[in-house]
Amino acid sequence: MSQLALVDEPHATNDPRLSLIYVDDEPSVLRSFSRAVRRMHLHVTCVDNPAEAIALLKRQRFDIIAVDYSMPGMSGVEFLEQIQHHVEHAYKIMITGMCEVDILQAAINRGGVHQYVSKPWNLKELKHALSTASNHANLVRHNEALQRKLAKQNRELASMNMALDRLVQTRTLNVLDALVSALDHRDTETQWHSRRVALFAHMIASQMNLSDDQLHDVELGALLHDVGKIGISDTILLKPGKLTEEEWDIMRQHPLIGYRLLESIDFLDGARPIVLQHHERWDGKGYPNGLAGETICVGARIFAACDTLDAMTSDRPYRKALPFSAAKAEIIRCAGTQFDQRVVDAFLTIPDEHWQAVIEAGHAYEDSPETSPTLDVSLERVRRMLPDITSAVGWRSATNAMAS
């Protein structure tokens, strides 16, 4: 670059001085300019080639730009037009011996010029223009510093809000966990039922290519599906015999009770519809609202098949657990009536041996010494168990192959 030897070294990032670039095709004028502003506490760069000055401005920041109007190959206005998107922050001065109105208008309208200085310049006029430019540049720098400070504070505030949200979610989930654990232990027939159906729902939902957020909602909805039973009397919930029609009417309210219980918890917005709709049926014969088909949320449709799978493969006081094959046959039989065919198809893509291993593992966890994990732990277990179960299935298959 044809910069004059008298120009300062490149502007250091920690240099408090404002930076100024002056572009003029006459080296003698550049030298004169540099001498004139030497005591103004500016870091001055003088360039005698407009094209090279443009390249410099695109890679280095300058607070003030001064440019001659009349240069060979490119006018000062054309020069400023080419760089205006790179130097919107800079104060621009046009130095010209041509004072025609149309030139001045072009400099302002097309070049974004803030001020012009006549050429040859009067030293007092030139210094006054540069003093005005310096005040403007200092205000720009101060504003940018405030913007950076504000952006940093906003990031810190956002981080604090996220931490508070996580704390609220954790504490809320702990309260809900106490409810789920109380319900699972209240009904001794179905202990750990909520966590097993969450595990089953995770597997089927994963086969349906749901998003991570949807997958999380399905898991939470399955874990919390019966939370509304906290509002059902023990005389009904634990009644050993058949419920009367009036008692059934009360029992059928538990999805709505659960939905209302979770209504004010924003981060459960995606899980809440599953709680409300988990007893709806594909054919519209479910409760509480008799929804049908795809008016039922996908998480509740997934849950319906999981609920049947767990009910049939778990021990009951009136019968022992049925084999997986019986539950599978029932789910296939009820496709298109009780269950969404898409959910059944996803269920069938998972090999039988995987399901059998998952069911065994789910019941094994019920006998674990840690009988009341938090919901977060439950969700993490749901996710962790899948690769462990897959490995177990692979080991079992290999063992069977060796035995045969």
Protein backbone atom coordinates (compact mmCIF):
# COMPACT_ATOMS: atom_id res chain seq x y z
CA MET A 1 0.00 0.00 0.00
CA SER A 2 1.29 3.45 -0.90
CA GLN A 3 1.09 4.88 2.61
CA LEU A 4 3.51 7.65 3.46
CA ALA A 5 6.54 6.84 5.59
CA LEU A 6 5.61 9.62 8.01
CA VAL A 7 2.41 7.78 8.99
CA ASP A 8 2.18 6.22 12.47
CA GLU A 9 2.40 2.50 13.10
CA PRO A 10 -0.87 0.47 12.77
CA HIS A 11 -3.41 1.47 15.40
CA ALA A 12 -3.10 -0.80 18.44
CA THR A 13 -6.35 -2.10 19.91
CA ASN A 14 -5.45 -0.64 23.33
CA ASP A 15 -4.51 2.79 21.88
CA PRO A 16 -6.93 5.34 23.46
CA ARG A 17 -6.49 7.79 20.56
CA LEU A 18 -9.14 8.13 17.89
CA SER A 19 -8.09 6.81 14.49
CA LEU A 20 -8.26 8.93 11.34
CA ILE A 21 -7.63 8.01 7.70
CA TYR A 22 -7.01 10.71 5.06
CA VAL A 23 -7.20 9.74 1.40
CA ASP A 24 -5.70 12.08 -1.25
CA ASP A 25 -3.77 11.30 -4.42
CA GLU A 26 -1.20 14.07 -3.79
CA PRO A 27 1.65 12.99 -1.44
CA SER A 28 2.59 16.61 -0.70
CA VAL A 29 -0.95 17.32 0.55
CA LEU A 30 -0.86 14.22 2.72
CA ARG A 31 2.40 15.36 4.29
CA SER A 32 0.98 18.80 4.93
CA PHE A 33 -2.14 17.30 6.49
CA SER A 34 -0.09 15.06 8.77
CA ARG A 35 1.97 18.00 10.02
CA ALA A 36 -1.16 20.09 10.59
CA VAL A 37 -2.88 17.53 12.86
CA ARG A 38 0.22 16.17 14.62
CA ARG A 39 -0.71 17.65 18.01
CA MET A 40 -4.39 16.70 17.97
CA HIS A 41 -4.04 13.35 19.77
CA LEU A 42 -5.19 11.39 16.72
CA HIS A 43 -3.74 8.23 15.21
CA VAL A 44 -3.41 9.32 11.57
CA THR A 45 -3.08 7.10 8.50
CA CYS A 46 -2.53 8.78 5.10
CA VAL A 47 -3.15 6.86 1.88
CA ASP A 48 -2.60 8.11 -1.69
CA ASN A 49 -4.50 5.34 -3.49
CA PRO A 50 -8.33 5.13 -3.09
CA ALA A 51 -8.52 1.41 -3.96
CA GLU A 52 -5.92 0.54 -1.34
CA ALA A 53 -7.71 2.75 1.18
CA ILE A 54 -10.95 0.83 0.55
CA ALA A 55 -9.17 -2.47 1.23
CA LEU A 56 -7.74 -1.02 4.45
CA LEU A 57 -11.12 0.27 5.63
CA LYS A 58 -12.68 -3.15 5.13
CA ARG A 59 -10.25 -4.80 7.55
CA GLN A 60 -9.48 -2.03 10.02
CA ARG A 61 -11.69 0.34 11.99
CA PHE A 62 -11.30 4.13 11.67
CA ASP A 63 -13.27 6.66 13.69
CA ILE A 64 -12.84 9.55 11.23
CA ILE A 65 -12.54 9.48 7.43
CA ALA A 66 -11.29 12.49 5.49
CA VAL A 67 -11.17 12.27 1.70
CA ASP A 68 -10.33 14.55 -1.20
CA TYR A 69 -13.13 14.99 -3.73
CA SER A 70 -11.10 15.13 -6.91
CA MET A 71 -8.92 12.02 -7.41
CA PRO A 72 -8.00 10.19 -10.63
CA GLY A 73 -10.18 7.15 -11.36
CA MET A 74 -12.53 7.68 -8.43
CA SER A 75 -14.14 10.75 -6.89
CA GLY A 76 -14.38 11.20 -3.15
CA VAL A 77 -18.16 10.62 -3.33
CA GLU A 78 -17.69 7.35 -5.24
CA PHE A 79 -15.06 6.31 -2.70
CA LEU A 80 -17.46 6.85 0.21
CA GLU A 81 -20.30 5.07 -1.62
CA GLN A 82 -18.18 1.93 -1.94
CA ILE A 83 -17.37 1.73 1.75
CA GLN A 84 -20.51 3.14 3.37
CA HIS A 85 -21.71 -0.27 4.70
CA HIS A 86 -18.33 -0.82 6.39
CA VAL A 87 -18.01 2.61 8.01
CA GLU A 88 -21.49 3.59 9.16
CA HIS A 89 -20.04 4.49 12.58
CA ALA A 90 -17.37 6.87 11.18
CA TYR A 91 -17.51 10.66 10.91
CA LYS A 92 -16.87 11.64 7.27
CA ILE A 93 -15.23 14.85 6.05
CA MET A 94 -14.98 15.88 2.41
CA ILE A 95 -11.97 18.10 1.59
CA THR A 96 -12.45 19.87 -1.72
CA GLY A 97 -11.60 22.98 -3.64
CA MET A 98 -14.87 22.63 -5.59
CA CYS A 99 -17.81 24.26 -3.85
CA GLU A 100 -20.57 23.66 -6.40
CA VAL A 101 -23.93 22.91 -4.80
CA ASP A 102 -24.48 19.66 -6.74
CA ILE A 103 -21.10 18.30 -5.53
CA LEU A 104 -21.92 19.14 -1.92
CA GLN A 105 -25.39 17.57 -2.24
CA ALA A 106 -23.89 14.38 -3.72
CA ALA A 107 -21.35 14.24 -0.90
CA ILE A 108 -24.12 14.44 1.70
CA ASN A 109 -26.77 12.27 0.01
CA ARG A 110 -24.60 9.59 -1.60
CA GLY A 111 -21.46 9.66 0.53
CA GLY A 112 -22.99 10.30 3.95
CA VAL A 113 -20.63 13.23 4.54
CA HIS A 114 -21.06 15.07 7.83
CA GLN A 115 -18.86 18.08 7.05
CA TYR A 116 -16.72 19.56 4.33
CA VAL A 117 -13.52 21.59 4.45
CA SER A 118 -12.39 23.86 1.64
CA LYS A 119 -9.08 23.23 -0.07
CA PRO A 120 -6.50 24.58 0.35
CA TRP A 121 -7.61 24.49 3.94
CA ASN A 122 -7.45 27.11 6.59
CA LEU A 123 -5.66 25.49 9.56
CA LYS A 124 -8.16 26.85 12.08
CA GLU A 125 -11.09 25.59 9.97
CA LEU A 126 -9.46 22.17 9.54
CA LYS A 127 -8.79 21.77 13.27
CA HIS A 128 -12.33 22.86 14.11
CA ALA A 129 -13.74 20.23 11.74
CA LEU A 130 -11.51 17.54 13.24
CA SER A 131 -12.47 18.65 16.77
CA THR A 132 -16.16 18.26 15.86
CA ALA A 133 -15.41 14.87 14.32
CA SER A 134 -13.54 13.80 17.46
CA ASN A 135 -16.47 14.74 19.71
CA HIS A 136 -18.81 12.72 17.49
CA ALA A 137 -16.44 9.73 17.44
CA ASN A 138 -16.09 9.78 21.22
CA LEU A 139 -19.88 9.73 21.57
CA VAL A 140 -20.05 6.78 19.17
CA ARG A 141 -17.41 4.90 21.15
CA HIS A 142 -19.20 5.66 24.42
CA ASN A 143 -22.53 4.49 22.99
CA GLU A 144 -20.94 1.27 21.71
CA ALA A 145 -19.40 0.65 25.12
CA LEU A 146 -22.82 1.12 26.73
CA GLN A 147 -24.36 -1.25 24.18
CA ARG A 148 -21.72 -3.88 24.98
CA LYS A 149 -22.31 -3.42 28.70
CA LEU A 150 -26.07 -3.69 28.23
CA ALA A 151 -25.68 -6.81 26.09
CA LYS A 152 -23.45 -8.37 28.77
CA GLN A 153 -25.96 -7.50 31.49
CA ASN A 154 -28.78 -8.95 29.38
CA ARG A 155 -26.80 -12.18 28.93
CA GLU A 156 -26.15 -12.34 32.66
CA LEU A 157 -29.82 -11.66 33.39
CA ALA A 158 -30.89 -14.32 30.91
CA SER A 159 -28.48 -16.76 32.56
CA MET A 160 -29.89 -15.93 35.99
CA ASN A 161 -33.44 -16.37 34.69
CA MET A 162 -32.53 -19.74 33.21
CA ALA A 163 -31.00 -20.80 36.54
CA LEU A 164 -34.13 -19.67 38.38
CA ASP A 165 -36.33 -21.50 35.86
CA ARG A 166 -34.30 -24.67 36.38
CA LEU A 167 -34.60 -24.26 40.15
CA VAL A 168 -38.37 -23.78 39.90
CA GLN A 169 -38.65 -26.78 37.57
CA THR A 170 -36.56 -28.95 39.91
CA ARG A 171 -38.57 -27.99 42.97
CA THR A 172 -41.86 -28.41 41.12
CA LEU A 173 -40.81 -31.81 39.81
CA ASN A 174 -39.83 -32.83 43.32
CA VAL A 175 -43.31 -31.93 44.58
CA LEU A 176 -44.91 -33.79 41.68
CA ASP A 177 -42.59 -36.73 42.32
CA ALA A 178 -43.90 -36.92 45.86
CA LEU A 179 -47.42 -37.10 44.41
CA VAL A 180 -46.49 -39.77 41.85
CA SER A 181 -44.67 -41.84 44.48
CA ALA A 182 -47.60 -41.45 46.89
CA LEU A 183 -50.01 -42.62 44.20
CA ASP A 184 -47.83 -45.55 43.16
CA HIS A 185 -47.56 -46.68 46.78
CA ARG A 186 -51.17 -45.88 47.57
CA ASP A 187 -52.30 -48.39 44.94
CA THR A 188 -50.21 -51.46 45.75
CA GLU A 189 -51.43 -53.15 42.55
CA THR A 190 -49.62 -50.67 40.33
CA GLN A 191 -46.41 -49.64 42.09
CA TRP A 192 -43.85 -48.28 39.58
CA HIS A 193 -46.55 -48.35 36.88
CA SER A 194 -45.94 -44.66 36.03
CA ARG A 195 -42.22 -45.16 35.49
CA ARG A 196 -42.66 -48.30 33.42
CA VAL A 197 -45.14 -46.67 31.04
CA ALA A 198 -42.75 -43.72 30.69
CA LEU A 199 -40.07 -46.19 29.61
CA PHE A 200 -42.43 -47.87 27.13
CA ALA A 201 -43.62 -44.49 25.80
CA HIS A 202 -40.03 -43.40 25.24
CA MET A 203 -39.38 -46.47 23.10
CA ILE A 204 -42.45 -46.06 20.90
CA ALA A 205 -42.07 -42.28 20.59
CA SER A 206 -38.45 -42.76 19.49
CA GLN A 207 -39.68 -44.94 16.61
CA MET A 208 -42.10 -42.20 15.48
CA ASN A 209 -39.33 -39.63 14.89
CA LEU A 210 -40.69 -37.12 17.39
CA SER A 211 -38.55 -34.11 18.27
CA ASP A 212 -36.50 -34.06 21.47
CA ASP A 213 -39.02 -31.65 23.03
CA GLN A 214 -41.93 -33.92 22.09
CA LEU A 215 -40.08 -36.94 23.42
CA HIS A 216 -39.52 -35.18 26.75
CA ASP A 217 -43.20 -34.20 26.90
CA VAL A 218 -44.27 -37.81 26.25
CA GLU A 219 -42.02 -39.06 29.06
CA LEU A 220 -43.27 -36.46 31.54
CA GLY A 221 -46.90 -36.93 30.51
CA ALA A 222 -46.60 -40.69 31.01
CA LEU A 223 -44.97 -40.24 34.42
CA LEU A 224 -47.66 -37.80 35.57
CA HIS A 225 -50.70 -39.33 33.84
CA ASP A 226 -52.45 -40.45 37.03
CA VAL A 227 -51.53 -37.44 39.19
CA GLY A 228 -55.24 -36.49 39.26
CA LYS A 229 -56.00 -39.59 41.32
CA ILE A 230 -54.75 -37.60 44.30
CA GLY A 231 -58.25 -36.09 44.25
CA ILE A 232 -60.06 -39.45 44.22
CA SER A 233 -61.21 -40.93 47.51
CA ASP A 234 -59.50 -44.08 48.80
CA THR A 235 -62.91 -45.71 49.14
CA ILE A 236 -63.21 -45.55 45.36
CA LEU A 237 -59.59 -45.84 44.28
CA LEU A 238 -58.84 -48.84 46.51
CA LYS A 239 -62.25 -50.48 46.43
CA PRO A 240 -61.68 -54.26 46.08
CA GLY A 241 -64.93 -54.94 44.26
CA LYS A 242 -66.61 -53.54 41.17
CA LEU A 243 -67.30 -49.79 41.08
CA THR A 244 -70.86 -48.53 40.85
CA GLU A 245 -71.83 -46.27 37.96
CA GLU A 246 -71.74 -43.25 40.30
CA GLU A 247 -68.26 -44.24 41.48
CA TRP A 248 -67.13 -44.63 37.87
CA ASP A 249 -68.38 -41.13 37.13
CA ILE A 250 -66.12 -39.86 39.93
CA MET A 251 -63.17 -42.00 38.81
CA ARG A 252 -63.46 -40.66 35.25
CA GLN A 253 -62.77 -37.17 36.59
CA HIS A 254 -59.15 -37.91 37.50
CA PRO A 255 -57.71 -36.85 34.08
CA LEU A 256 -59.41 -33.46 34.42
CA ILE A 257 -58.27 -33.12 38.05
CA GLY A 258 -54.69 -33.87 36.98
CA TYR A 259 -54.87 -31.42 34.08
CA ARG A 260 -56.08 -28.63 36.38
CA LEU A 261 -53.46 -29.51 38.98
CA LEU A 262 -50.72 -28.92 36.39
CA GLU A 263 -52.40 -25.97 34.67
CA SER A 264 -50.23 -23.21 36.14
CA ILE A 265 -46.90 -24.98 35.46
CA ASP A 266 -45.64 -23.51 32.19
CA PHE A 267 -42.87 -26.03 31.50
CA LEU A 268 -45.47 -28.83 31.55
CA ASP A 269 -47.53 -27.30 28.73
CA GLY A 270 -46.57 -30.15 26.39
CA ALA A 271 -47.16 -32.89 28.97
CA ARG A 272 -50.46 -31.59 30.33
CA PRO A 273 -52.66 -32.68 27.35
CA ILE A 274 -51.38 -36.25 27.83
CA VAL A 275 -52.60 -36.18 31.43
CA LEU A 276 -56.03 -34.97 30.28
CA GLN A 277 -56.38 -37.36 27.33
CA HIS A 278 -54.68 -40.55 28.51
CA HIS A 279 -58.00 -42.45 28.70
CA GLU A 280 -59.28 -41.31 25.29
CA ARG A 281 -59.62 -43.93 22.55
CA TRP A 282 -58.94 -43.73 18.81
CA ASP A 283 -62.59 -44.63 18.09
CA GLY A 284 -63.97 -41.88 20.36
CA LYS A 285 -65.27 -44.19 23.10
CA GLY A 286 -62.87 -43.02 25.80
CA TYR A 287 -63.17 -40.32 28.47
CA PRO A 288 -63.38 -37.62 29.72
CA ASN A 289 -64.24 -35.85 26.42
CA GLY A 290 -64.84 -38.66 23.93
CA LEU A 291 -62.11 -37.40 21.58
CA ALA A 292 -61.34 -39.48 18.49
CA GLY A 293 -58.53 -39.95 15.95
CA GLU A 294 -55.91 -37.24 15.64
CA THR A 295 -57.87 -34.83 17.86
CA ILE A 296 -56.15 -36.84 20.60
CA CYS A 297 -52.57 -35.63 21.12
CA VAL A 298 -49.89 -38.02 19.90
CA GLY A 299 -48.47 -38.47 23.40
CA ALA A 300 -51.83 -39.71 24.74
CA ARG A 301 -52.19 -42.06 21.76
CA ILE A 302 -48.77 -43.51 22.51
CA PHE A 303 -49.61 -43.79 26.20
CA ALA A 304 -52.81 -45.78 25.51
CA ALA A 305 -50.85 -48.69 24.02
CA CYS A 306 -48.20 -48.48 26.77
CA ASP A 307 -50.86 -48.56 29.48
CA THR A 308 -52.36 -51.77 28.06
CA LEU A 309 -48.91 -53.33 27.69
CA ASP A 310 -48.03 -52.64 31.33
CA ALA A 311 -51.44 -53.67 32.68
CA MET A 312 -51.33 -57.03 30.92
CA THR A 313 -47.68 -57.84 31.73
CA SER A 314 -47.93 -56.89 35.45
CA ASP A 315 -49.18 -59.01 38.35
CA ARG A 316 -52.65 -58.28 39.71
CA PRO A 317 -54.31 -59.68 42.85
CA TYR A 318 -56.79 -61.54 40.64
CA ARG A 319 -54.21 -62.91 38.15
CA LYS A 320 -50.53 -63.31 37.42
CA ALA A 321 -48.83 -61.25 34.73
CA LEU A 322 -49.65 -62.35 31.19
CA PRO A 323 -46.88 -63.09 28.69
CA PHE A 324 -45.74 -60.38 26.30
CA SER A 325 -47.18 -62.34 23.38
CA ALA A 326 -50.70 -61.97 24.83
CA ALA A 327 -50.28 -58.22 25.28
CA LYS A 328 -48.88 -57.89 21.76
CA ALA A 329 -51.84 -59.78 20.29
CA GLU A 330 -54.29 -57.54 22.17
CA ILE A 331 -52.59 -54.35 20.96
CA ILE A 332 -52.66 -55.62 17.36
CA ARG A 333 -56.34 -56.62 17.72
CA CYS A 334 -57.34 -53.19 18.99
CA ALA A 335 -55.45 -51.20 16.32
CA GLY A 336 -57.85 -48.77 14.66
CA THR A 337 -60.38 -48.96 17.51
CA GLN A 338 -58.73 -48.41 20.86
CA PHE A 339 -55.29 -47.55 19.45
CA ASP A 340 -53.85 -45.42 16.65
CA GLN A 341 -52.57 -47.70 13.87
CA ARG A 342 -49.42 -45.56 13.54
CA VAL A 343 -48.62 -46.14 17.20
CA VAL A 344 -49.20 -49.88 16.82
CA ASP A 345 -46.93 -49.92 13.75
CA ALA A 346 -44.20 -48.17 15.74
CA PHE A 347 -44.70 -50.65 18.59
CA LEU A 348 -44.26 -53.55 16.15
CA THR A 349 -40.99 -52.21 14.74
CA ILE A 350 -39.32 -52.97 18.08
CA PRO A 351 -38.22 -56.64 18.27
CA ASP A 352 -40.09 -58.85 20.74
CA GLU A 353 -36.90 -59.70 22.62
CA HIS A 354 -36.30 -55.98 23.24
CA TRP A 355 -39.78 -55.57 24.69
CA GLN A 356 -39.38 -58.64 26.87
CA ALA A 357 -36.04 -57.36 28.20
CA VAL A 358 -37.51 -53.91 28.89
CA ILE A 359 -40.52 -55.38 30.71
CA GLU A 360 -38.26 -57.57 32.86
CA ALA A 361 -35.96 -54.63 33.62
CA GLY A 362 -38.92 -52.38 34.46
CA HIS A 363 -40.22 -54.87 37.02
CA ALA A 364 -36.70 -55.43 38.35
CA TYR A 365 -36.43 -51.72 39.14
CA GLU A 366 -39.64 -52.00 41.16
CA ASP A 367 -37.80 -54.33 43.52
CA SER A 368 -34.77 -52.03 43.73
CA PRO A 369 -33.85 -50.64 47.18
CA GLU A 370 -34.28 -47.15 45.71
CA THR A 371 -38.06 -47.26 45.50
CA SER A 372 -38.78 -43.56 45.26
CA PRO A 373 -36.44 -41.72 42.84
CA THR A 374 -37.16 -38.17 41.77
CA LEU A 375 -38.86 -37.51 38.44
CA ASP A 376 -35.59 -36.25 36.97
CA VAL A 377 -33.90 -39.48 38.04
CA SER A 378 -36.82 -41.44 36.64
CA LEU A 379 -36.51 -39.74 33.25
CA GLU A 380 -32.76 -40.29 33.23
CA ARG A 381 -33.30 -43.95 34.07
CA VAL A 382 -35.77 -44.23 31.22
CA ARG A 383 -33.11 -43.00 28.82
CA ARG A 384 -30.22 -44.94 30.36
CA MET A 385 -32.04 -48.27 30.49
CA LEU A 386 -32.49 -48.47 26.72
CA PRO A 387 -28.82 -49.03 25.71
CA ASP A 388 -28.34 -51.29 28.75
CA ILE A 389 -31.33 -53.38 27.68
CA THR A 390 -30.16 -53.51 24.06
CA SER A 391 -26.78 -54.81 25.24
CA ALA A 392 -28.52 -57.40 27.41
CA VAL A 393 -30.61 -58.52 24.44
CA GLY A 394 -27.50 -58.85 22.29
CA TRP A 395 -25.76 -60.90 24.99
CA ARG A 396 -28.84 -63.09 25.37
CA SER A 397 -29.07 -63.64 21.58
CA ALA A 398 -25.41 -64.59 21.41
CA THR A 399 -25.82 -67.00 24.33
CA ASN A 400 -28.84 -68.62 22.69
CA ALA A 401 -26.95 -68.99 19.44
CA MET A 402 -24.05 -70.72 21.23
CA ALA A 403 -26.46 -73.03 23.06
CA SER A 404 -28.12 -74.09 19.83
